[in-house]
Protein backbone atom coordinates (compact mmCIF):
# COMPACT_ATOMS: atom_id res chain seq x y z
CA LEU A 1 87.86 46.79 131.03
CA CYS A 2 90.68 46.69 132.84
CA ALA A 3 93.21 49.72 132.30
CA MET A 4 95.65 48.27 130.24
CA SER A 5 93.00 47.45 127.17
CA LEU A 6 92.07 51.55 126.83
CA ILE A 7 95.37 51.70 124.32
CA CYS A 8 94.51 53.56 121.43
CA SER A 9 94.13 51.74 118.08
CA ILE A 10 95.85 54.08 115.92
CA SER A 11 98.30 55.77 118.32
CA ASN A 12 99.30 52.61 120.49
CA GLU A 13 99.10 54.85 123.19
CA VAL A 14 96.88 55.20 126.46
CA PRO A 15 94.21 58.16 125.06
CA GLU A 16 93.98 61.58 126.70
CA GLU A 17 90.09 61.40 125.76
CA PRO A 18 89.15 57.74 124.95
CA VAL A 19 86.36 56.67 123.04
CA ILE A 20 84.95 53.57 121.64
CA SER A 21 83.85 52.95 118.10
CA LEU A 22 80.07 51.40 117.60
CA VAL A 23 81.13 49.66 114.25
CA SER A 24 84.35 48.11 115.02
CA LYS A 25 84.18 47.88 118.65
CA HIS A 26 87.64 49.75 119.32
CA VAL A 27 89.14 52.10 121.67
CA PHE A 28 90.37 55.44 119.81
CA GLU A 29 92.01 59.28 121.43
CA ARG A 30 89.09 61.20 120.01
CA ARG A 31 91.05 64.02 118.36
CA LEU A 32 92.92 60.89 116.43
CA LEU A 33 89.84 59.29 115.50
CA GLU A 34 87.83 62.58 114.17
CA LYS A 35 90.51 63.86 112.44
CA TYR A 36 90.49 60.00 110.30
CA LEU A 37 86.61 60.39 109.85
CA ASN A 38 86.79 64.07 108.43
CA GLU A 39 89.64 62.71 105.98
CA HIS A 40 88.44 58.62 104.97
CA GLY A 41 84.33 58.80 106.56
CA THR A 42 85.30 55.35 107.90
CA ASP A 43 86.87 53.27 110.66
CA PRO A 44 90.02 53.04 111.18
CA VAL A 45 90.25 48.96 111.88
CA ASN A 46 87.63 47.62 109.50
CA ASN A 47 87.10 50.46 107.03
CA GLU A 48 83.02 50.63 107.61
CA PRO A 49 81.31 53.99 106.74
CA MET A 50 81.26 55.51 110.37
CA THR A 51 80.39 59.24 111.54
CA GLU A 52 80.81 61.10 114.15
CA ASP A 53 77.84 60.25 116.29
CA GLN A 54 79.19 56.58 116.70
CA MET A 55 81.43 57.36 118.45
CA VAL A 56 81.00 56.78 122.66
CA PRO A 57 83.05 58.82 124.77
CA ILE A 58 84.56 56.56 127.95
CA LYS A 59 84.65 57.52 131.31
CA ALA A 60 88.26 57.02 133.12
CA GLY A 61 89.77 58.55 135.59
CA PRO A 62 93.30 60.57 134.63
CA VAL A 63 96.02 59.33 133.04
CA GLN A 64 99.28 59.85 134.75
CA ARG A 65 101.91 59.93 131.75
CA PRO A 66 105.29 57.93 132.79
CA ARG A 67 108.60 60.72 132.54
CA PRO A 68 110.40 60.21 129.19
CA PRO A 69 113.72 58.12 129.45
CA THR A 70 115.74 61.23 129.13
CA ALA A 71 114.15 61.85 132.78
CA THR A 72 114.57 59.28 134.87
CA SER A 73 118.10 59.98 136.65
CA ILE A 74 119.47 62.65 138.40
CA PRO A 75 122.42 63.14 135.33
CA ALA A 76 119.54 63.37 132.63
CA ILE A 77 118.26 66.03 134.05
CA LEU A 78 121.07 67.72 134.39
CA LYS A 79 122.31 67.22 131.02
CA LEU A 80 118.32 68.58 129.81
CA PHE A 81 119.32 71.37 131.96
CA GLN A 82 122.81 71.98 130.37
CA ASP A 83 121.02 72.01 127.00
CA GLU A 84 119.04 74.26 127.53
CA TRP A 85 121.57 76.97 129.01
CA ASP A 86 123.47 76.38 126.44
CA ALA A 87 120.44 76.74 123.80
CA CYS A 88 119.71 80.39 125.84
CA LEU A 89 123.35 81.59 125.65
CA LEU A 90 123.34 80.98 121.59
CA HIS A 91 119.99 82.81 121.57
CA SER A 92 121.27 85.63 123.69
CA TYR A 93 124.55 85.29 121.23
CA THR A 94 122.48 85.80 118.28
CA LEU A 95 120.39 88.90 119.46
CA ARG A 96 123.20 90.56 120.52
CA GLN A 97 124.49 89.89 116.68
CA GLN A 98 121.14 91.26 115.84
CA LEU A 99 121.01 94.32 118.06
CA GLN A 100 124.68 95.34 116.94
CA MET A 101 124.03 95.24 113.45
CA THR A 102 120.71 97.35 113.56
CA ARG A 103 122.65 100.04 115.50
CA GLN A 104 124.99 100.05 112.53
CA GLU A 105 122.59 100.70 110.64
CA LEU A 106 120.51 103.19 112.52
CA SER A 107 123.41 105.08 113.02
CA TYR A 108 124.34 105.02 109.19
CA ALA A 109 121.09 105.95 108.29
CA LEU A 110 121.05 108.98 111.28
CA TYR A 111 124.42 110.25 109.26
CA GLN A 112 123.05 110.24 105.96
CA HIS A 113 119.94 112.46 107.12
CA ASP A 114 121.81 114.68 109.24
CA ALA A 115 124.32 115.50 105.84
CA ALA A 116 121.36 115.90 104.02
CA CYS A 117 119.27 118.44 106.25
CA ARG A 118 123.02 119.89 106.31
CA VAL A 119 123.12 120.40 102.43
CA ILE A 120 119.45 121.40 102.51
CA ALA A 121 120.49 124.24 104.83
CA ARG A 122 123.33 125.45 102.83
CA GLN A 123 121.09 124.96 100.10
CA ASP A 124 118.00 126.83 101.81
CA LYS A 125 121.09 129.96 102.97
CA GLU A 126 122.35 130.42 99.35
CA VAL A 127 118.74 130.79 97.95
CA ASN A 128 117.99 133.42 100.40
CA ALA A 129 121.21 135.43 99.94
CA ALA A 130 120.45 135.26 96.31
CA ARG A 131 116.70 136.44 97.09
CA GLU A 132 118.47 139.10 99.27
CA ALA A 133 120.67 140.01 96.69
CA LEU A 134 117.71 140.39 94.13
CA ALA A 135 115.15 142.15 96.19
CA THR A 136 118.56 144.92 97.28
CA LEU A 137 119.57 145.36 93.24
CA LYS A 138 116.10 145.76 92.05
CA PRO A 139 115.14 148.84 94.31
CA GLN A 140 118.74 150.60 93.56
CA ALA A 141 117.73 149.97 89.77
CA ALA A 142 114.94 151.91 90.07
CA ILE A 143 116.68 155.03 92.37
CA ALA A 144 119.22 155.07 89.39
CA VAL A 145 115.79 155.63 86.79
CA GLN A 146 114.42 158.33 88.63
CA GLN A 147 117.48 160.50 89.37
CA PRO A 148 119.36 161.36 86.35
CA VAL A 149 121.53 163.33 88.31
CA GLU A 150 123.52 160.06 89.33
CA PRO A 151 126.46 159.37 86.48
CA GLN A 152 125.41 156.34 85.63
CA VAL A 153 121.81 155.68 84.74
CA ALA A 154 120.66 152.20 82.91
CA PRO A 155 117.41 152.36 81.41
CA THR A 156 114.25 150.20 82.30
CA ALA A 157 111.22 148.71 80.44
CA GLY A 158 109.37 147.99 83.61
CA ARG A 159 107.95 150.41 86.32
CA MET A 160 110.46 149.63 89.72
CA GLU A 161 109.90 150.86 93.40
CA PRO A 162 111.77 153.53 95.03
CA MET A 163 114.12 152.84 97.60
CA GLU A 164 116.89 154.38 99.85
CA VAL A 165 119.97 154.49 98.57
CA ASP A 166 121.69 154.30 101.81
CA SER A 167 119.50 152.70 104.43
CA ASN A 168 121.93 154.35 107.20
CA GLU A 169 120.59 157.71 106.08
CA LYS A 170 117.87 159.50 107.99
CA GLN A 171 115.11 160.74 105.95
CA GLN A 172 113.73 163.97 106.25
CA PRO A 173 110.39 164.72 106.45
CA ILE A 174 108.62 165.93 102.93
CA GLY A 175 105.77 167.56 104.61
CA LEU A 176 101.93 166.97 104.12
CA SER A 177 99.75 168.25 101.09
CA GLU A 178 97.08 169.21 100.79
CA GLU A 179 95.76 166.17 98.17
CA VAL A 180 96.95 163.78 101.44
CA MET A 181 94.73 165.81 103.96
CA GLN A 182 91.99 165.33 101.35
CA SER A 183 91.97 161.78 101.30
CA LEU A 184 92.72 161.32 105.32
CA GLN A 185 89.54 164.08 105.28
CA ALA A 186 87.44 161.85 103.15
CA THR A 187 88.36 158.26 104.61
CA HIS A 188 87.19 159.34 107.54
CA VAL A 189 84.05 161.13 106.35
CA LYS A 190 83.42 157.76 104.44
CA LEU A 191 84.04 155.70 107.09
CA THR A 192 82.22 157.59 110.00
CA SER A 193 79.05 157.41 108.05
CA LEU A 194 79.36 153.63 107.64
CA ARG A 195 80.17 153.47 111.44
CA ARG A 196 76.77 155.01 112.29
CA LYS A 197 74.60 152.68 110.74
CA ARG A 198 75.96 150.13 112.46
CA GLY A 199 73.88 148.48 115.19
CA LYS A 200 74.45 147.62 118.88
CA GLU A 201 73.43 143.73 118.42
CA LEU A 202 76.29 141.46 117.50
CA PRO A 203 76.43 141.23 113.45
CA GLU A 204 74.83 138.17 111.76
CA GLY A 205 77.63 135.69 111.10
CA VAL A 206 79.37 136.91 113.72
CA ALA A 207 80.31 133.99 116.36
CA VAL A 208 78.54 134.16 119.70
CA PRO A 209 80.05 133.93 123.11
CA SER A 210 78.41 130.39 123.87
CA GLN A 211 80.20 129.24 120.71
CA ILE A 212 83.63 131.00 121.55
CA LYS A 213 83.33 129.21 124.89
CA GLN A 214 83.87 125.53 122.85
CA TYR A 215 87.04 126.99 121.10
CA GLU A 216 90.39 124.90 121.98
CA PRO A 217 93.33 124.67 120.76
CA VAL A 218 92.99 122.74 117.15
CA SER A 219 96.62 123.26 115.62
CA SER A 220 100.11 123.92 116.53
CA HIS A 221 103.41 124.95 114.56
CA PRO A 222 106.24 125.25 116.22
CA GLY A 223 108.90 125.46 113.00
CA LEU A 224 108.48 128.79 111.60
CA HIS A 225 111.27 130.86 113.43
CA SER A 226 114.95 129.80 114.18
CA ALA A 227 115.37 127.00 117.24
CA SER A 228 118.71 129.10 117.83
CA THR A 229 116.84 132.23 119.14
CA PRO A 230 113.62 131.10 119.65
CA GLY A 231 110.39 133.70 120.53
CA ILE A 232 107.83 135.20 118.10
CA LEU A 233 107.06 138.62 118.79
CA CYS A 234 104.25 139.72 116.79
CA LEU A 235 101.10 138.46 114.20
CA ASP A 236 99.07 139.87 111.60
CA LEU A 237 96.22 137.90 109.61
CA LEU A 238 96.36 138.37 105.69
CA PRO A 239 92.73 139.63 105.25
CA ASN A 240 90.65 137.15 102.92
CA THR A 241 93.07 134.40 103.20
CA LYS A 242 94.00 131.86 105.45
CA ARG A 243 97.54 133.14 106.32
CA THR A 244 99.33 134.15 109.11
CA VAL A 245 102.08 137.18 108.79
CA THR A 246 104.85 136.78 112.07
CA GLY A 247 107.82 137.80 112.98
CA GLY A 248 110.36 136.74 115.27
CA ALA A 249 113.41 137.38 117.45
CA ASP A 250 115.62 135.62 114.43
CA LYS A 251 115.15 138.75 112.53
CA ASN A 252 112.78 137.18 109.96
CA ILE A 253 109.46 137.60 108.98
CA VAL A 254 107.24 134.76 108.25
CA LEU A 255 104.27 133.79 105.84
CA PHE A 256 102.66 130.63 107.17
CA GLY A 257 99.48 129.34 105.33
CA LYS A 258 97.01 127.84 107.45
CA GLU A 259 94.76 125.64 105.15
CA GLU A 260 98.26 123.95 103.66
CA GLU A 261 99.85 124.54 107.30
CA LYS A 262 103.39 125.27 105.74
CA ILE A 263 105.28 128.02 105.24
CA VAL A 264 104.94 130.34 102.18
CA CYS A 265 108.05 132.55 102.26
CA THR A 266 110.35 133.81 104.98
CA LEU A 267 111.23 137.48 104.54
CA LYS A 268 114.98 138.83 105.11
CA GLY A 269 116.33 141.96 106.10
CA HIS A 270 116.21 143.16 109.55
CA THR A 271 119.61 142.90 111.40
CA LYS A 272 117.44 142.87 114.79
CA LYS A 273 114.60 141.04 115.96
CA VAL A 274 111.40 141.91 114.21
CA THR A 275 108.91 143.44 117.14
CA SER A 276 105.86 145.00 114.50
CA VAL A 277 104.27 143.12 111.47
CA VAL A 278 101.23 144.77 109.93
CA ALA A 279 99.76 143.13 106.41
CA HIS A 280 98.00 145.21 104.11
CA PRO A 281 94.40 144.61 104.02
CA ASN A 282 93.44 145.12 100.12
CA GLU A 283 97.38 144.47 98.55
CA LYS A 284 99.81 141.69 99.12
CA ALA A 285 102.36 143.86 101.05
CA ILE A 286 103.52 143.62 104.94
CA VAL A 287 104.93 146.68 106.29
CA SER A 288 107.27 145.47 109.46
CA ALA A 289 109.66 147.31 112.13
CA SER A 290 112.36 146.22 113.97
CA PRO A 291 115.24 147.75 117.00
CA ASP A 292 117.30 148.55 114.22
CA ALA A 293 114.93 152.15 113.43
CA GLN A 294 113.79 150.14 109.83
CA ILE A 295 110.68 150.32 108.90
CA ARG A 296 110.66 147.78 105.71
CA ILE A 297 107.52 147.12 103.28
CA TRP A 298 107.45 143.96 101.50
CA ASP A 299 105.72 142.62 98.46
CA ILE A 300 104.02 138.70 99.00
CA ASP A 301 104.02 138.30 95.18
CA SER A 302 107.95 138.69 94.63
CA GLU A 303 109.15 138.06 98.58
CA SER A 304 111.28 140.89 98.13
CA CYS A 305 111.20 144.56 99.93
CA ARG A 306 109.88 147.50 98.19
CA HIS A 307 110.95 149.96 100.70
CA VAL A 308 113.82 150.61 103.78
CA MET A 309 112.29 153.77 105.35
CA ARG A 310 114.70 154.79 108.31
CA VAL A 311 112.49 157.66 109.49
CA HIS A 312 113.21 157.10 113.56
CA ASP A 313 116.82 157.96 115.76
CA GLY A 314 115.99 154.80 117.76
CA PRO A 315 114.01 151.63 117.83
CA VAL A 316 110.92 151.88 116.37
CA THR A 317 108.22 150.30 118.39
CA GLY A 318 105.07 150.37 117.20
CA LEU A 319 103.56 150.31 113.21
CA SER A 320 100.09 151.09 112.69
CA LEU A 321 98.28 150.92 108.89
CA HIS A 322 95.72 154.34 107.86
CA PRO A 323 92.53 152.72 106.89
CA THR A 324 93.16 154.52 103.65
CA GLY A 325 95.94 151.79 102.91
CA ASP A 326 98.70 154.17 101.74
CA TYR A 327 100.12 155.32 104.79
CA VAL A 328 101.81 153.98 108.50
CA LEU A 329 102.42 155.25 111.11
CA SER A 330 105.23 154.49 113.45
CA SER A 331 106.71 155.46 117.21
CA SER A 332 109.70 155.45 118.39
CA SER A 333 111.78 155.18 121.50
CA ASP A 334 113.52 158.48 120.27
CA GLN A 335 109.97 160.25 121.55
CA HIS A 336 108.95 160.81 118.02
CA TRP A 337 106.41 159.05 116.05
CA ALA A 338 106.24 159.93 112.15
CA PHE A 339 103.72 159.65 109.16
CA SER A 340 105.16 157.95 106.16
CA ASP A 341 103.70 156.71 102.90
CA ILE A 342 104.15 153.28 101.99
CA HIS A 343 103.99 153.84 98.06
CA THR A 344 106.88 155.85 97.51
CA GLY A 345 108.65 155.18 100.93
CA LYS A 346 109.04 158.57 101.97
CA LEU A 347 108.04 160.36 104.96
CA LEU A 348 106.07 163.02 105.11
CA CYS A 349 105.92 164.55 108.27
CA LYS A 350 107.57 163.09 112.08
CA VAL A 351 106.57 164.85 115.44
CA ALA A 352 108.23 164.70 118.61
CA ASP A 353 106.22 164.61 121.71
CA GLN A 354 107.20 167.69 123.76
CA SER A 355 105.66 167.63 126.97
CA VAL A 356 107.57 163.67 128.20
CA SER A 357 110.69 162.94 128.01
CA HIS A 358 110.52 159.51 127.90
CA GLY A 359 110.05 156.78 124.58
CA LEU A 360 107.07 156.09 123.10
CA THR A 361 106.10 151.85 123.23
CA CYS A 362 102.74 151.78 121.19
CA CYS A 363 100.70 153.64 118.55
CA GLN A 364 97.63 152.58 116.58
CA PHE A 365 95.52 154.60 114.17
CA HIS A 366 91.74 155.05 115.28
CA PRO A 367 89.30 153.34 112.59
CA ASP A 368 88.32 156.43 111.30
CA GLY A 369 91.65 157.76 110.81
CA LEU A 370 91.72 161.38 112.24
CA ILE A 371 92.63 160.44 115.48
CA PHE A 372 95.09 157.65 116.59
CA GLY A 373 96.85 156.66 120.55
CA THR A 374 100.14 156.54 121.63
CA GLY A 375 101.99 154.77 124.56
CA THR A 376 104.62 155.93 126.78
CA SER A 377 107.04 154.65 128.69
CA ASP A 378 106.06 156.46 131.78
CA SER A 379 102.55 155.20 132.12
CA LEU A 380 101.01 158.15 130.08
CA VAL A 381 98.33 157.33 126.97
CA LYS A 382 97.88 160.46 124.57
CA ILE A 383 95.62 160.62 122.05
CA TRP A 384 96.60 162.81 119.07
CA ASP A 385 94.28 165.13 116.78
CA PHE A 386 96.52 164.12 113.55
CA LYS A 387 95.03 167.16 111.84
CA GLU A 388 96.84 169.83 114.10
CA GLN A 389 99.68 167.35 115.03
CA LYS A 390 98.93 168.13 118.98
CA SER A 391 98.11 166.25 121.77
CA ALA A 392 93.92 165.82 122.15
CA ALA A 393 94.09 164.21 125.44
CA ASN A 394 95.52 162.13 127.97
CA PHE A 395 94.69 159.15 130.32
CA PRO A 396 97.41 158.80 132.89
CA SER A 397 95.89 156.08 135.07
CA HIS A 398 97.87 153.89 134.50
CA SER A 399 101.40 152.77 136.27
CA GLY A 400 104.54 151.49 134.39
CA PRO A 401 105.39 151.42 130.39
CA ILE A 402 102.52 151.16 128.36
CA SER A 403 102.82 147.66 126.90
CA ALA A 404 99.50 147.78 124.33
CA LEU A 405 96.34 149.94 122.88
CA ALA A 406 93.80 148.99 121.13
CA PHE A 407 91.18 150.97 119.29
CA SER A 408 87.10 149.41 118.75
CA GLU A 409 85.79 148.96 115.53
CA ASN A 410 82.55 150.80 117.03
CA GLY A 411 84.63 154.08 117.29
CA TYR A 412 83.71 154.85 120.93
CA TYR A 413 86.55 152.74 123.06
CA LEU A 414 89.92 152.19 123.64
CA ALA A 415 91.86 149.47 125.56
CA THR A 416 95.55 149.86 127.21
CA SER A 417 97.53 148.18 129.57
CA ALA A 418 100.86 148.63 131.19
CA ASP A 419 102.91 146.99 133.53
CA ASP A 420 99.94 147.14 136.32
CA GLU A 421 98.15 144.08 135.89
CA VAL A 422 95.14 145.55 134.25
CA VAL A 423 93.04 146.19 131.14
CA LYS A 424 91.63 149.71 131.05
CA LEU A 425 88.58 150.89 128.60
CA TRP A 426 88.37 154.14 127.81
CA ASP A 427 84.95 155.56 126.44
CA LEU A 428 86.48 158.40 124.22
CA ARG A 429 83.26 160.36 123.73
CA LYS A 430 83.38 161.45 127.63
CA LEU A 431 87.29 160.67 127.65
CA LYS A 432 86.72 158.18 131.09
CA ASN A 433 87.55 155.03 131.71
CA PHE A 434 84.39 153.12 132.55
CA LYS A 435 85.78 149.36 133.02
CA THR A 436 89.23 148.16 134.77
CA ILE A 437 89.67 144.70 134.19
CA THR A 438 91.44 143.38 137.16
CA LEU A 439 94.01 140.67 136.18
CA GLU A 440 96.00 137.91 138.12
CA ASP A 441 98.98 138.63 139.68
CA LYS A 442 102.45 139.54 137.90
CA TYR A 443 100.39 138.98 134.66
CA THR A 444 101.76 140.84 131.71
CA VAL A 445 99.87 141.77 129.31
CA LYS A 446 101.53 141.67 125.74
CA SER A 447 99.04 142.62 123.19
CA LEU A 448 95.67 143.54 122.67
CA THR A 449 93.15 143.52 119.72
CA PHE A 450 89.33 143.68 119.17
CA ASP A 451 87.65 141.75 116.58
CA ASN A 452 85.97 143.45 113.73
CA SER A 453 82.87 143.44 115.39
CA GLY A 454 83.92 145.12 118.55
CA HIS A 455 82.54 143.11 120.88
CA TYR A 456 85.42 140.92 122.14
CA LEU A 457 88.54 141.74 122.82
CA ALA A 458 91.42 139.35 123.42
CA VAL A 459 94.03 139.52 125.66
CA ALA A 460 97.77 137.61 125.22
CA GLY A 461 100.31 137.39 127.90
CA PRO A 462 100.64 134.26 130.78
CA ASP A 463 97.57 133.21 128.71
CA VAL A 464 95.31 133.73 125.64
CA ARG A 465 92.02 135.31 126.84
CA VAL A 466 88.64 136.56 125.93
CA TYR A 467 86.50 139.33 127.20
CA GLN A 468 82.73 140.22 125.91
CA ILE A 469 82.83 143.80 125.74
CA SER A 470 79.84 145.05 128.06
CA LYS A 471 78.98 146.93 131.82
CA GLN A 472 80.67 143.56 133.25
CA CYS A 473 83.22 142.61 130.71
CA ASP A 474 82.68 139.27 131.26
CA LEU A 475 85.04 136.54 130.56
CA ILE A 476 84.77 134.05 128.04
CA GLN A 477 87.05 131.89 127.69
CA THR A 478 90.65 131.13 128.82
CA TRP A 479 93.82 128.88 126.82
CA LYS A 480 96.95 128.17 128.42
CA ALA A 481 98.23 126.31 125.49
CA HIS A 482 101.51 128.06 125.13
CA THR A 483 104.28 127.37 127.79
CA GLN A 484 105.79 131.08 127.84
CA ASP A 485 104.08 133.87 127.20
CA ALA A 486 101.91 134.48 124.15
CA THR A 487 102.77 137.72 122.60
CA SER A 488 99.97 138.43 119.76
CA VAL A 489 96.62 137.20 119.40
CA LYS A 490 94.75 138.14 116.47
CA PHE A 491 90.70 137.77 115.48
CA GLY A 492 89.72 135.68 112.57
CA PRO A 493 87.43 136.87 110.12
CA ASN A 494 83.37 136.89 111.81
CA VAL A 495 85.74 135.18 114.84
CA ASP A 496 86.05 132.13 113.53
CA TYR A 497 88.82 130.70 115.08
CA LEU A 498 91.98 133.09 116.49
CA ALA A 499 96.06 132.83 116.24
CA SER A 500 98.36 133.56 118.79
CA VAL A 501 102.32 133.00 119.21
CA SER A 502 104.49 133.20 121.40
CA ASN A 503 107.96 132.97 123.27
CA ASP A 504 107.87 129.48 122.70
CA ARG A 505 108.32 129.69 119.03
CA THR A 506 104.95 128.31 118.57
CA LEU A 507 101.83 129.95 116.71
CA LYS A 508 98.51 128.13 117.70
CA PHE A 509 95.02 128.16 116.32
CA TYR A 510 91.70 128.19 118.37
CA SER A 511 88.53 127.26 116.78
CA SER A 512 85.96 124.91 117.54
CA SER A 513 86.84 121.28 116.86
CA SER A 514 84.17 121.00 114.15
CA SER A 515 85.47 123.08 112.03
CA ALA A 516 89.13 122.48 112.52
C-alpha cells in the first residue's frame, strides 16, 4: 500500500497507529476504532458485527504531521507568541486580584480574632478581679464573727476560714502547746515504725532503671503563665490526682490537669513572683510563698485564699509541709525559720539562727517530722532538732549559697546542692558525706527531689536528670528538653512519670511513649 492510502476511514486523517479491519478491509485509527466497537460492536463501514480480535495492526513509519496554517510564516508565529504573552499577562493580573482580595479577607479575619482575644482577656481579668475580691471579703467576714470586740459584727450561718485583717501587720508567735507537741511526737513514732518495716529492695510497682531509661518528653505545655514575665519557678504534684500546681514569675499560681491538658484554675494574690508551692497530701489545699514576705493558704474548690500569713520580715525562701499536714515550716532571708498552723493561719514559733549572719535559702522537714534541714547563703547546711529548737548538726563542705536540699523517704539520706557544681549525699546516721556527684562546669542546681521509694534522685538545672541512689549513684537518664534552665522537677506516683518546669515558661512531662 502506498502512503497516501493510509487514511483513517473515520477521521479522514493519517493515523498515528493504523489498523486494518478484516471485516471491511478499511484502514482505521486504532483508538477511534476501539471506541466505536465499544459503543456499537460493528464495523464502521459496512455495519457487520466485529470484535477487537479482527483488527490487524499495520506497520508503518512515523508520521510527520504538517504544521498548522497559522504557524507557516514568521508573522503568524509572532502573532502566536503575542497571543500567549497577552494570555499570561491576563492570567497574572487575575491572580494578583485574587491575592489582594485574599489578603483583605485575612486582614479582616485577623482583626476580628484580635478583637475577640482582647474581649476575652478583659473578661478574664474582670472575673479574676471579682474572685480576688470575693476571696478577700469572705475571710474578713469570718474575722468579724470571731472578734466580737469589733464595732460592726455581721451574723453568719456557715463556718468561715480566719485571715489576717491587715496583711501588712506582722504576726507574733503564740507558742507551741502540749497538744501540738503530742501530735508531732505521735506522728514521728508512727512514721518511724512504718519506715523500719520497709525493705532495702525497690518496692513492687515502682519503675525500674531500665524503664526510666526509656522515658522521653511526651508533652509540653507553654501557655500556663504570662508571657510578659516569663518563667515558672516552682512545681508540685497533687497526690492521688494527675494535676500539677506551678508558681511563676507572673505572681500567679496555676493548677493544671495532666489528663485534661488544660488549666483548672489560676490563683492570684501575691504581689511578687511565687517561688514555692506545696500541695497538701490529704486536703484540697495549696501553700505558697513569695519574696513579698507572704505565705498564703489556698482552697482549691473555692479557688480562694483561706489565710495570708506574714511571719517573716524578708522574702520567704522555702516551704515544707509537716507530715501531719497541719503545719508548715518556712525559711526567710531574715535569718529566721518559722512554724505555723495552716488551719488557723497562726504563727506558733519563730527562731533565729544566731550562729550565722546570713539569710536562710531553703528548708525541708525530715520524713518523720521531728528534725528538719535549712540552707544558708554562706554555704552551710544545718540540721535542727525541732523539740529543742536548736541546731543538731552542721554540714559545711559546700561553697556558695545552698540552692536546694531534700531528705530521702528512707529517713537516712540527705541530698544538698549549692553554686559549686556538685550534689552531696549525706548519711544522717553517721553525719558524714558518703557520695559527691560532680556535675559539668557551670552547672547550677535549681531543685533536688527524691521519689517516694527513696531509690531515685532527680536534679533540675541546665537539664533534667535522674540518679539511682546506690554506692555508685549511677546516672540513669538525662533530658535536655527545656530551652532554658529547669527550675523544679517532681516524680509521679511509682515513678510512672516525671514533671519539670523551666524559665522557658513550659511544663513538661516525661514517661514511656507507650503510656503517654
